Protein backbone atom coordinates (compact mmCIF):
# COMPACT_ATOMS: atom_id res chain seq x y z
CA UNK A 1 125.95 -23.40 152.87
CA UNK A 2 125.04 -24.84 149.47
CA UNK A 3 121.62 -24.58 147.96
CA UNK A 4 119.50 -27.66 147.43
CA UNK A 5 120.18 -29.62 144.28
CA UNK A 6 116.63 -30.92 144.07
CA UNK A 7 114.59 -27.74 143.59
CA UNK A 8 111.09 -27.93 142.12
CA UNK A 9 110.82 -26.84 138.50
CA UNK A 10 107.89 -25.14 136.85
CA UNK A 11 106.04 -27.63 134.66
CA UNK A 12 106.89 -25.57 131.58
CA UNK A 13 110.56 -24.91 132.42
CA UNK A 14 112.90 -26.38 129.81
CA UNK A 15 115.12 -29.07 131.28
CA UNK A 16 117.60 -29.42 128.44
CA UNK A 17 119.99 -26.60 127.66
CA UNK A 18 121.63 -26.59 124.22
CA UNK A 19 124.75 -28.73 123.98
CA UNK A 20 128.02 -26.79 124.10
CA UNK A 21 129.67 -26.71 120.67
CA UNK A 22 133.35 -25.97 121.29
CA UNK A 23 136.21 -27.81 122.96
CA UNK A 24 136.91 -31.27 124.28
CA UNK A 25 134.58 -33.25 126.51
CA UNK A 26 135.52 -33.92 130.13
CA UNK A 27 133.40 -35.94 132.55
CA UNK A 28 133.23 -34.37 135.99
CA UNK A 29 132.56 -36.80 138.81
CA UNK A 30 130.83 -34.63 141.41
CA UNK A 31 130.45 -34.68 145.15
CA UNK A 32 127.13 -36.11 146.31
CA UNK A 33 124.10 -34.06 145.20
CA UNK A 34 126.22 -31.25 143.71
CA UNK A 35 125.36 -31.71 140.02
CA UNK A 36 122.89 -28.82 139.62
CA UNK A 37 124.90 -26.42 141.78
CA UNK A 38 128.01 -27.20 139.71
CA UNK A 39 125.95 -26.67 136.54
CA UNK A 40 124.95 -23.19 137.76
CA UNK A 41 128.56 -22.40 138.75
CA UNK A 42 129.91 -23.40 135.33
CA UNK A 43 127.21 -21.49 133.45
CA UNK A 44 128.10 -18.40 135.52
CA UNK A 45 131.75 -18.90 134.52
CA UNK A 46 130.72 -19.17 130.83
CA UNK A 47 132.03 -22.74 130.61
CA UNK A 48 130.28 -25.18 128.25
CA UNK A 49 128.45 -27.73 130.34
CA UNK A 50 125.74 -30.36 129.93
CA UNK A 51 123.74 -32.01 132.70
CA UNK A 52 121.08 -34.44 131.44
CA UNK A 53 117.98 -33.95 133.62
CA UNK A 54 114.58 -35.63 133.74
CA UNK A 55 111.41 -34.66 135.58
CA UNK A 56 110.52 -36.92 138.46
CA UNK A 57 107.78 -36.82 141.04
CA UNK A 58 108.98 -36.79 144.65
CA UNK A 59 106.87 -36.86 147.78
CA UNK A 60 107.61 -34.58 150.73
CA UNK A 61 105.19 -35.81 153.35
CA UNK A 62 101.81 -35.69 151.59
CA UNK A 63 102.93 -33.04 149.11
CA UNK A 64 103.77 -34.14 145.57
CA UNK A 65 106.53 -32.12 143.89
CA UNK A 66 107.96 -32.40 140.35
CA UNK A 67 111.71 -31.99 140.42
CA UNK A 68 114.52 -32.10 137.90
CA UNK A 69 116.84 -34.98 138.69
CA UNK A 70 120.17 -35.85 137.05
CA UNK A 71 119.89 -38.79 134.68
CA UNK A 72 123.41 -39.88 135.67
CA UNK A 73 123.72 -38.94 139.35
CA UNK A 74 127.23 -37.85 140.25
CA UNK A 75 128.29 -36.79 136.73
CA UNK A 76 128.34 -33.54 134.75
CA UNK A 77 129.73 -33.20 131.22
CA UNK A 78 132.02 -30.23 130.54
CA UNK A 79 132.99 -29.17 127.03
CA UNK A 80 135.92 -26.81 126.84
CA UNK A 81 139.63 -26.60 127.57
CA UNK A 82 141.80 -28.33 130.16
CA UNK A 83 142.05 -24.98 131.94
CA UNK A 84 138.25 -24.79 132.18
CA UNK A 85 138.13 -28.33 133.59
CA UNK A 86 140.61 -27.23 136.27
CA UNK A 87 138.42 -24.16 136.94
CA UNK A 88 135.51 -26.55 137.55
CA UNK A 89 137.68 -28.56 139.92
CA UNK A 90 138.45 -25.42 141.94
CA UNK A 91 134.71 -25.07 142.78
CA UNK A 92 135.28 -27.87 145.34
CA UNK A 93 132.22 -29.66 143.91
CA UNK A 94 134.26 -32.05 141.73
CA UNK A 95 135.75 -35.29 143.04
CA UNK A 96 137.52 -36.27 139.83
CA UNK A 97 138.02 -35.04 136.28
CA UNK A 98 137.75 -37.93 133.83
CA UNK A 99 139.58 -37.32 130.56
CA UNK A 100 137.81 -38.61 127.47
CA UNK A 101 139.99 -40.69 125.13
CA UNK A 102 137.32 -41.18 122.44
CA UNK A 103 135.83 -37.70 121.96
CA UNK A 104 133.77 -38.67 118.89
CA UNK A 105 132.01 -41.58 120.62
CA UNK A 106 131.17 -39.63 123.76
CA UNK A 107 129.92 -36.69 121.67
CA UNK A 108 127.59 -38.99 119.68
CA UNK A 109 126.31 -40.73 122.83
CA UNK A 110 125.61 -37.41 124.57
CA UNK A 111 123.80 -36.16 121.46
CA UNK A 112 121.57 -39.26 121.44
CA UNK A 113 120.62 -38.82 125.10
CA UNK A 114 120.09 -35.08 124.62
CA UNK A 115 117.78 -35.79 121.65
CA UNK A 116 115.73 -38.30 123.65
CA UNK A 117 115.43 -35.96 126.63
CA UNK A 118 114.44 -32.93 124.54
CA UNK A 119 111.63 -35.06 123.10
CA UNK A 120 110.63 -35.97 126.66
CA UNK A 121 111.31 -39.69 126.32
CA UNK A 122 110.40 -41.68 129.43
CA UNK A 123 113.91 -42.97 130.13
CA UNK A 124 114.68 -45.43 132.91
CA UNK A 125 118.09 -46.32 134.36
CA UNK A 126 119.18 -49.59 132.82
CA UNK A 127 122.00 -52.02 133.53
CA UNK A 128 124.88 -51.21 131.19
CA UNK A 129 125.12 -53.57 128.23
CA UNK A 130 128.14 -54.30 126.08
CA UNK A 131 126.39 -56.68 123.68
CA UNK A 132 123.39 -56.03 121.46
CA UNK A 133 122.32 -54.91 118.06
CA UNK A 134 122.80 -51.23 117.16
CA UNK A 135 119.55 -49.72 115.82
CA UNK A 136 118.04 -46.45 114.66
CA UNK A 137 114.41 -45.42 115.18
CA UNK A 138 112.87 -44.92 111.72
CA UNK A 139 109.51 -43.37 112.64
CA UNK A 140 107.48 -41.65 115.33
CA UNK A 141 108.59 -38.92 117.74
CA UNK A 142 111.97 -40.58 118.37
CA UNK A 143 112.93 -40.86 114.68
CA UNK A 144 116.71 -40.63 114.27
CA UNK A 145 117.48 -41.88 117.78
CA UNK A 146 120.18 -44.56 117.83
CA UNK A 147 120.81 -47.13 120.50
CA UNK A 148 121.10 -50.82 121.24
CA UNK A 149 118.16 -53.23 121.51
CA UNK A 150 118.08 -55.68 124.39
CA UNK A 151 115.23 -58.20 124.75
CA UNK A 152 114.63 -58.09 128.50
CA UNK A 153 110.91 -58.78 128.34
CA UNK A 154 108.37 -59.12 125.58
CA UNK A 155 108.60 -55.34 125.00
CA UNK A 156 111.37 -53.99 122.75
CA UNK A 157 113.77 -51.67 124.50
CA UNK A 158 116.16 -49.17 122.98
CA UNK A 159 119.27 -48.75 125.14
CA UNK A 160 121.12 -45.40 125.14
CA UNK A 161 124.65 -45.72 126.54
CA UNK A 162 127.53 -43.64 127.82
CA UNK A 163 130.36 -46.16 127.48
CA UNK A 164 132.80 -44.13 129.61
CA UNK A 165 130.50 -44.19 132.63
CA UNK A 166 129.36 -47.78 132.22
CA UNK A 167 125.79 -46.45 132.42
CA UNK A 168 122.75 -46.80 130.21
CA UNK A 169 119.10 -45.73 129.93
CA UNK A 170 116.21 -47.66 128.41
CA UNK A 171 113.21 -46.61 126.33
CA UNK A 172 110.29 -48.90 125.45
CA UNK A 173 109.60 -48.65 121.75
CA UNK A 174 107.67 -50.54 119.08
CA UNK A 175 110.05 -52.95 117.36
CA UNK A 176 108.64 -52.17 113.92
CA UNK A 177 110.10 -48.65 114.23
CA UNK A 178 113.66 -49.97 114.65
CA UNK A 179 116.06 -50.66 111.85
CA UNK A 180 119.48 -52.29 112.36
CA UNK A 181 122.45 -50.11 111.50
CA UNK A 182 126.11 -50.97 111.02
CA UNK A 183 128.39 -50.53 114.00
CA UNK A 184 130.57 -47.42 113.70
């Protein structure tokens, strides 16, 4: 029997663990609702892992519970060796190991999402975009955050992407805080 992957978190519990520093990135496509259990398994095995989580309110009957939910359901990011990726696969919680061809790009994109989540940005799932202007936030609590602006409504939105997954998150932000940057 596996434990629930949607356990309530204390309001003060930190959601974001430090990013692992060593090794190559691998994207682990998980079995349904196994992200947090796999995270715990990999931490216990001393394998570098990152699972972006955000606090969400869920209702169980009339009871309101704050839970930590994966930002990218079905995916966990492992940083380590090929052998460690195969160790993760042997947990029987992984459907597929996705090798990362562009390590630098994925590392930068994960760092941007980690930065936004550690600053408790209200991120929303967003349709993945391939076109747009790259920008950096120049002021306020999200200073230094880089993303892509997409004009969906009258509000400016900063889009944070993980190209490999074809997924993105959006953050509403004042346009005057954004400055265009050159594409890498």
